[in-house]
Amino acid sequence: MKYKLPHFEEIDLTQLDEYYNVEIEQEGHKIGIDLNFEGKEIETQSFDEIKKIIENIESEDSKNRTYITSDFKDENGDTVKEYLEFHIEELAEELSGIVNFEDKSNSPEKQLLEKLKLGRIGFYPDGKYGTESFVVFDYIVDRELSDQIVVVNIDKEGKLINLAWES
């Protein structure tokens, strides 16, 4: 059975390749979307869920930004704070074009938080690589400046598993 996802060519659900990817442009920047499969077959329902997420990138992004901001504001949250502090400390000179270090009303970390962009959406509907995440969203400052990312891991039910800082 063939299935047409937005932005992808038709995919045969009974003869899956291990990996598919496309790059789209959204709000002036590029976002990679990839599909990763362990097996050769998958149920239509999984593709229906993937399709729903791809068709609603803006609302998914908004939901993820809420998770990221909550972690930043949480006194016990460390993933986003440490990610932003690392960039401010290590790349202050390079960030001077996007962060106003003279602005005392808005901290550099908060400014950088607002600049995070969705860079990639990766789907793992059948647990490829042993992941429990159905979909991961990678957020970046700027690909030219850093390969460090904030990852939002979401399960099959659409619930947040965790946030992670990766490279």
C-alpha atoms as a PDB file:
ATOM      1  CA  MET A   1       0.000   0.000   0.000  1.00  0.00           C
ATOM      2  CA  LYS A   2       1.319   3.414  -0.963  1.00  0.00           C
ATOM      3  CA  TYR A   3       0.982   6.481   1.241  1.00  0.00           C
ATOM      4  CA  LYS A   4       1.546  10.136   0.340  1.00  0.00           C
ATOM      5  CA  LEU A   5       2.906  12.312   3.113  1.00  0.00           C
ATOM      6  CA  PRO A   6       3.182  16.087   2.670  1.00  0.00           C
ATOM      7  CA  HIS A   7       6.548  17.005   1.068  1.00  0.00           C
ATOM      8  CA  PHE A   8       7.520  13.354   0.430  1.00  0.00           C
ATOM      9  CA  GLU A   9       7.129  11.113  -2.614  1.00  0.00           C
ATOM     10  CA  GLU A  10       4.686   8.217  -2.244  1.00  0.00           C
ATOM     11  CA  ILE A  11       5.987   5.624   0.206  1.00  0.00           C
ATOM     12  CA  ASP A  12       5.123   1.928   0.043  1.00  0.00           C
ATOM     13  CA  LEU A  13       4.186   0.887   3.596  1.00  0.00           C
ATOM     14  CA  THR A  14       5.032  -2.756   2.825  1.00  0.00           C
ATOM     15  CA  GLN A  15       8.509  -2.063   1.336  1.00  0.00           C
ATOM     16  CA  LEU A  16       9.997   0.640   3.529  1.00  0.00           C
ATOM     17  CA  ASP A  17      13.509   1.948   3.115  1.00  0.00           C
ATOM     18  CA  GLU A  18      15.452   2.562   6.302  1.00  0.00           C
ATOM     19  CA  TYR A  19      15.554   6.342   5.840  1.00  0.00           C
ATOM     20  CA  TYR A  20      13.691   9.096   3.986  1.00  0.00           C
ATOM     21  CA  ASN A  21      14.336  12.816   4.205  1.00  0.00           C
ATOM     22  CA  VAL A  22      13.225  16.142   2.777  1.00  0.00           C
ATOM     23  CA  GLU A  23      13.988  19.763   3.507  1.00  0.00           C
ATOM     24  CA  ILE A  24      11.251  22.357   3.609  1.00  0.00           C
ATOM     25  CA  GLU A  25      11.253  26.089   4.130  1.00  0.00           C
ATOM     26  CA  GLN A  26       9.099  27.504   6.875  1.00  0.00           C
ATOM     27  CA  GLU A  27       9.018  31.102   8.075  1.00  0.00           C
ATOM     28  CA  GLY A  28      12.208  31.895   6.181  1.00  0.00           C
ATOM     29  CA  HIS A  29      14.400  29.037   7.398  1.00  0.00           C
ATOM     30  CA  LYS A  30      14.981  25.432   6.420  1.00  0.00           C
ATOM     31  CA  ILE A  31      13.650  22.488   8.401  1.00  0.00           C
ATOM     32  CA  GLY A  32      14.768  18.923   7.725  1.00  0.00           C
ATOM     33  CA  ILE A  33      12.161  16.180   8.076  1.00  0.00           C
ATOM     34  CA  ASP A  34      13.268  12.563   8.208  1.00  0.00           C
ATOM     35  CA  LEU A  35      11.622   9.182   8.626  1.00  0.00           C
ATOM     36  CA  ASN A  36      13.581   6.342  10.241  1.00  0.00           C
ATOM     37  CA  PHE A  37      12.400   2.723  10.133  1.00  0.00           C
ATOM     38  CA  GLU A  38      13.584  -0.446  11.818  1.00  0.00           C
ATOM     39  CA  GLY A  39      11.340  -2.792   9.823  1.00  0.00           C
ATOM     40  CA  LYS A  40      10.169  -3.070   6.229  1.00  0.00           C
ATOM     41  CA  GLU A  41       6.458  -2.624   6.995  1.00  0.00           C
ATOM     42  CA  ILE A  42       4.355  -0.316   9.118  1.00  0.00           C
ATOM     43  CA  GLU A  43       0.679   0.276   9.824  1.00  0.00           C
ATOM     44  CA  THR A  44      -1.225   3.059   8.122  1.00  0.00           C
ATOM     45  CA  GLN A  45      -2.137   4.485  11.535  1.00  0.00           C
ATOM     46  CA  SER A  46       1.508   5.421  12.192  1.00  0.00           C
ATOM     47  CA  PHE A  47       1.651   7.305   8.905  1.00  0.00           C
ATOM     48  CA  ASP A  48      -1.628   9.040   9.751  1.00  0.00           C
ATOM     49  CA  GLU A  49       0.041  10.334  12.943  1.00  0.00           C
ATOM     50  CA  ILE A  50       3.146  11.444  11.024  1.00  0.00           C
ATOM     51  CA  LYS A  51       0.961  13.215   8.468  1.00  0.00           C
ATOM     52  CA  LYS A  52      -0.956  15.029  11.210  1.00  0.00           C
ATOM     53  CA  ILE A  53       2.277  16.333  12.743  1.00  0.00           C
ATOM     54  CA  ILE A  54       3.725  17.439   9.385  1.00  0.00           C
ATOM     55  CA  GLU A  55       0.485  19.228   8.487  1.00  0.00           C
ATOM     56  CA  ASN A  56       0.541  21.033  11.844  1.00  0.00           C
ATOM     57  CA  ILE A  57       4.192  22.014  12.219  1.00  0.00           C
ATOM     58  CA  GLU A  58       3.281  25.484  13.512  1.00  0.00           C
ATOM     59  CA  SER A  59       1.120  24.175  16.350  1.00  0.00           C
ATOM     60  CA  GLU A  60       3.653  21.451  17.210  1.00  0.00           C
ATOM     61  CA  ASP A  61       6.386  24.105  17.271  1.00  0.00           C
ATOM     62  CA  SER A  62       4.276  26.292  19.539  1.00  0.00           C
ATOM     63  CA  LYS A  63       3.669  23.380  21.939  1.00  0.00           C
ATOM     64  CA  ASN A  64       7.390  22.558  21.984  1.00  0.00           C
ATOM     65  CA  ARG A  65       8.327  26.167  22.679  1.00  0.00           C
ATOM     66  CA  THR A  66       6.068  26.006  25.729  1.00  0.00           C
ATOM     67  CA  TYR A  67       8.040  22.971  26.981  1.00  0.00           C
ATOM     68  CA  ILE A  68      11.351  24.723  26.263  1.00  0.00           C
ATOM     69  CA  THR A  69      10.285  27.957  27.986  1.00  0.00           C
ATOM     70  CA  SER A  70       8.919  26.054  30.984  1.00  0.00           C
ATOM     71  CA  ASP A  71      12.220  24.228  31.395  1.00  0.00           C
ATOM     72  CA  PHE A  72      14.091  27.534  31.132  1.00  0.00           C
ATOM     73  CA  LYS A  73      11.920  29.160  33.817  1.00  0.00           C
ATOM     74  CA  ASP A  74      11.881  26.106  36.118  1.00  0.00           C
ATOM     75  CA  GLU A  75      14.428  26.550  38.904  1.00  0.00           C
ATOM     76  CA  ASN A  76      15.032  22.780  38.773  1.00  0.00           C
ATOM     77  CA  GLY A  77      15.213  22.714  34.970  1.00  0.00           C
ATOM     78  CA  ASP A  78      18.739  22.657  33.669  1.00  0.00           C
ATOM     79  CA  THR A  79      18.696  21.507  30.043  1.00  0.00           C
ATOM     80  CA  VAL A  80      17.689  24.748  28.354  1.00  0.00           C
ATOM     81  CA  LYS A  81      19.451  27.066  30.856  1.00  0.00           C
ATOM     82  CA  GLU A  82      22.740  25.209  30.470  1.00  0.00           C
ATOM     83  CA  TYR A  83      22.389  25.100  26.689  1.00  0.00           C
ATOM     84  CA  LEU A  84      21.832  28.868  26.509  1.00  0.00           C
ATOM     85  CA  GLU A  85      24.544  29.677  29.072  1.00  0.00           C
ATOM     86  CA  PHE A  86      27.023  27.545  27.129  1.00  0.00           C
ATOM     87  CA  HIS A  87      26.323  29.504  23.946  1.00  0.00           C
ATOM     88  CA  ILE A  88      26.511  32.876  25.714  1.00  0.00           C
ATOM     89  CA  GLU A  89      29.831  31.969  27.377  1.00  0.00           C
ATOM     90  CA  GLU A  90      31.484  30.212  24.442  1.00  0.00           C
ATOM     91  CA  LEU A  91      30.133  32.207  21.495  1.00  0.00           C
ATOM     92  CA  ALA A  92      29.506  35.722  22.839  1.00  0.00           C
ATOM     93  CA  GLU A  93      31.404  37.402  20.019  1.00  0.00           C
ATOM     94  CA  GLU A  94      29.682  35.339  17.315  1.00  0.00           C
ATOM     95  CA  LEU A  95      26.265  35.966  18.884  1.00  0.00           C
ATOM     96  CA  SER A  96      26.673  39.741  19.028  1.00  0.00           C
ATOM     97  CA  GLY A  97      24.677  40.055  15.801  1.00  0.00           C
ATOM     98  CA  ILE A  98      21.609  38.364  17.289  1.00  0.00           C
ATOM     99  CA  VAL A  99      21.921  39.113  21.012  1.00  0.00           C
ATOM    100  CA  ASN A 100      22.064  42.638  22.430  1.00  0.00           C
ATOM    101  CA  PHE A 101      24.397  42.227  25.403  1.00  0.00           C
ATOM    102  CA  GLU A 102      23.810  45.886  26.396  1.00  0.00           C
ATOM    103  CA  ASP A 103      20.063  45.365  26.913  1.00  0.00           C
ATOM    104  CA  LYS A 104      19.663  45.222  30.705  1.00  0.00           C
ATOM    105  CA  SER A 105      15.884  44.668  30.494  1.00  0.00           C
ATOM    106  CA  ASN A 106      16.213  41.365  28.601  1.00  0.00           C
ATOM    107  CA  SER A 107      18.970  38.917  29.572  1.00  0.00           C
ATOM    108  CA  PRO A 108      21.188  37.453  26.824  1.00  0.00           C
ATOM    109  CA  GLU A 109      19.865  33.976  27.699  1.00  0.00           C
ATOM    110  CA  LYS A 110      16.261  35.104  27.287  1.00  0.00           C
ATOM    111  CA  GLN A 111      17.081  36.811  23.981  1.00  0.00           C
ATOM    112  CA  LEU A 112      18.784  33.665  22.738  1.00  0.00           C
ATOM    113  CA  LEU A 113      15.847  31.557  23.901  1.00  0.00           C
ATOM    114  CA  GLU A 114      13.605  33.653  21.646  1.00  0.00           C
ATOM    115  CA  LYS A 115      15.972  33.028  18.707  1.00  0.00           C
ATOM    116  CA  LEU A 116      15.845  29.221  18.896  1.00  0.00           C
ATOM    117  CA  LYS A 117      14.589  27.824  15.599  1.00  0.00           C
ATOM    118  CA  LEU A 118      13.138  24.468  14.687  1.00  0.00           C
ATOM    119  CA  GLY A 119      15.835  22.834  12.576  1.00  0.00           C
ATOM    120  CA  ARG A 120      14.715  19.227  12.207  1.00  0.00           C
ATOM    121  CA  ILE A 121      11.816  16.870  12.793  1.00  0.00           C
ATOM    122  CA  GLY A 122      12.757  13.196  12.995  1.00  0.00           C
ATOM    123  CA  PHE A 123      10.204  10.386  13.120  1.00  0.00           C
ATOM    124  CA  TYR A 124      10.902   6.950  14.648  1.00  0.00           C
ATOM    125  CA  PRO A 125       7.488   5.247  14.448  1.00  0.00           C
ATOM    126  CA  ASP A 126       8.767   1.698  14.983  1.00  0.00           C
ATOM    127  CA  GLY A 127      11.509   2.432  17.505  1.00  0.00           C
ATOM    128  CA  LYS A 128      14.524   2.615  15.158  1.00  0.00           C
ATOM    129  CA  TYR A 129      17.773   2.911  17.158  1.00  0.00           C
ATOM    130  CA  GLY A 130      15.928   1.656  20.243  1.00  0.00           C
ATOM    131  CA  THR A 131      14.275   5.007  20.859  1.00  0.00           C
ATOM    132  CA  GLU A 132      11.002   5.357  22.715  1.00  0.00           C
ATOM    133  CA  SER A 133      10.411   8.670  20.936  1.00  0.00           C
ATOM    134  CA  PHE A 134       7.876   8.664  18.124  1.00  0.00           C
ATOM    135  CA  VAL A 135       9.087  12.074  16.983  1.00  0.00           C
ATOM    136  CA  VAL A 136      11.954  14.373  17.944  1.00  0.00           C
ATOM    137  CA  PHE A 137      12.162  18.083  17.298  1.00  0.00           C
ATOM    138  CA  ASP A 138      15.632  19.649  17.134  1.00  0.00           C
ATOM    139  CA  TYR A 139      15.983  23.332  18.008  1.00  0.00           C
ATOM    140  CA  ILE A 140      19.066  25.303  17.039  1.00  0.00           C
ATOM    141  CA  VAL A 141      20.527  28.763  17.482  1.00  0.00           C
ATOM    142  CA  ASP A 142      22.278  28.917  14.115  1.00  0.00           C
ATOM    143  CA  ARG A 143      23.762  26.026  12.111  1.00  0.00           C
ATOM    144  CA  GLU A 144      26.725  28.209  11.141  1.00  0.00           C
ATOM    145  CA  LEU A 145      27.631  28.935  14.771  1.00  0.00           C
ATOM    146  CA  SER A 146      26.967  25.701  16.620  1.00  0.00           C
ATOM    147  CA  ASP A 147      26.021  22.071  16.119  1.00  0.00           C
ATOM    148  CA  GLN A 148      24.496  21.947  19.613  1.00  0.00           C
ATOM    149  CA  ILE A 149      20.729  21.346  19.750  1.00  0.00           C
ATOM    150  CA  VAL A 150      17.858  21.253  22.209  1.00  0.00           C
ATOM    151  CA  VAL A 151      15.859  18.104  21.495  1.00  0.00           C
ATOM    152  CA  VAL A 152      12.183  17.743  22.370  1.00  0.00           C
ATOM    153  CA  ASN A 153      11.312  14.019  22.560  1.00  0.00           C
ATOM    154  CA  ILE A 154       7.635  13.120  22.098  1.00  0.00           C
ATOM    155  CA  ASP A 155       5.990   9.681  22.496  1.00  0.00           C
ATOM    156  CA  LYS A 156       3.310   7.975  20.350  1.00  0.00           C
ATOM    157  CA  GLU A 157       0.540   9.616  22.376  1.00  0.00           C
ATOM    158  CA  GLY A 158       1.968  13.073  21.693  1.00  0.00           C
ATOM    159  CA  LYS A 159       3.240  13.543  25.243  1.00  0.00           C
ATOM    160  CA  LEU A 160       6.590  15.029  26.197  1.00  0.00           C
ATOM    161  CA  ILE A 161       9.149  12.383  27.185  1.00  0.00           C
ATOM    162  CA  ASN A 162      11.964  14.817  27.938  1.00  0.00           C
ATOM    163  CA  LEU A 163      14.170  17.630  26.724  1.00  0.00           C
ATOM    164  CA  ALA A 164      17.801  16.935  25.973  1.00  0.00           C
ATOM    165  CA  TRP A 165      20.898  18.875  24.949  1.00  0.00           C
ATOM    166  CA  GLU A 166      22.760  17.070  22.161  1.00  0.00           C
ATOM    167  CA  SER A 167      25.232  17.741  19.411  1.00  0.00           C
END
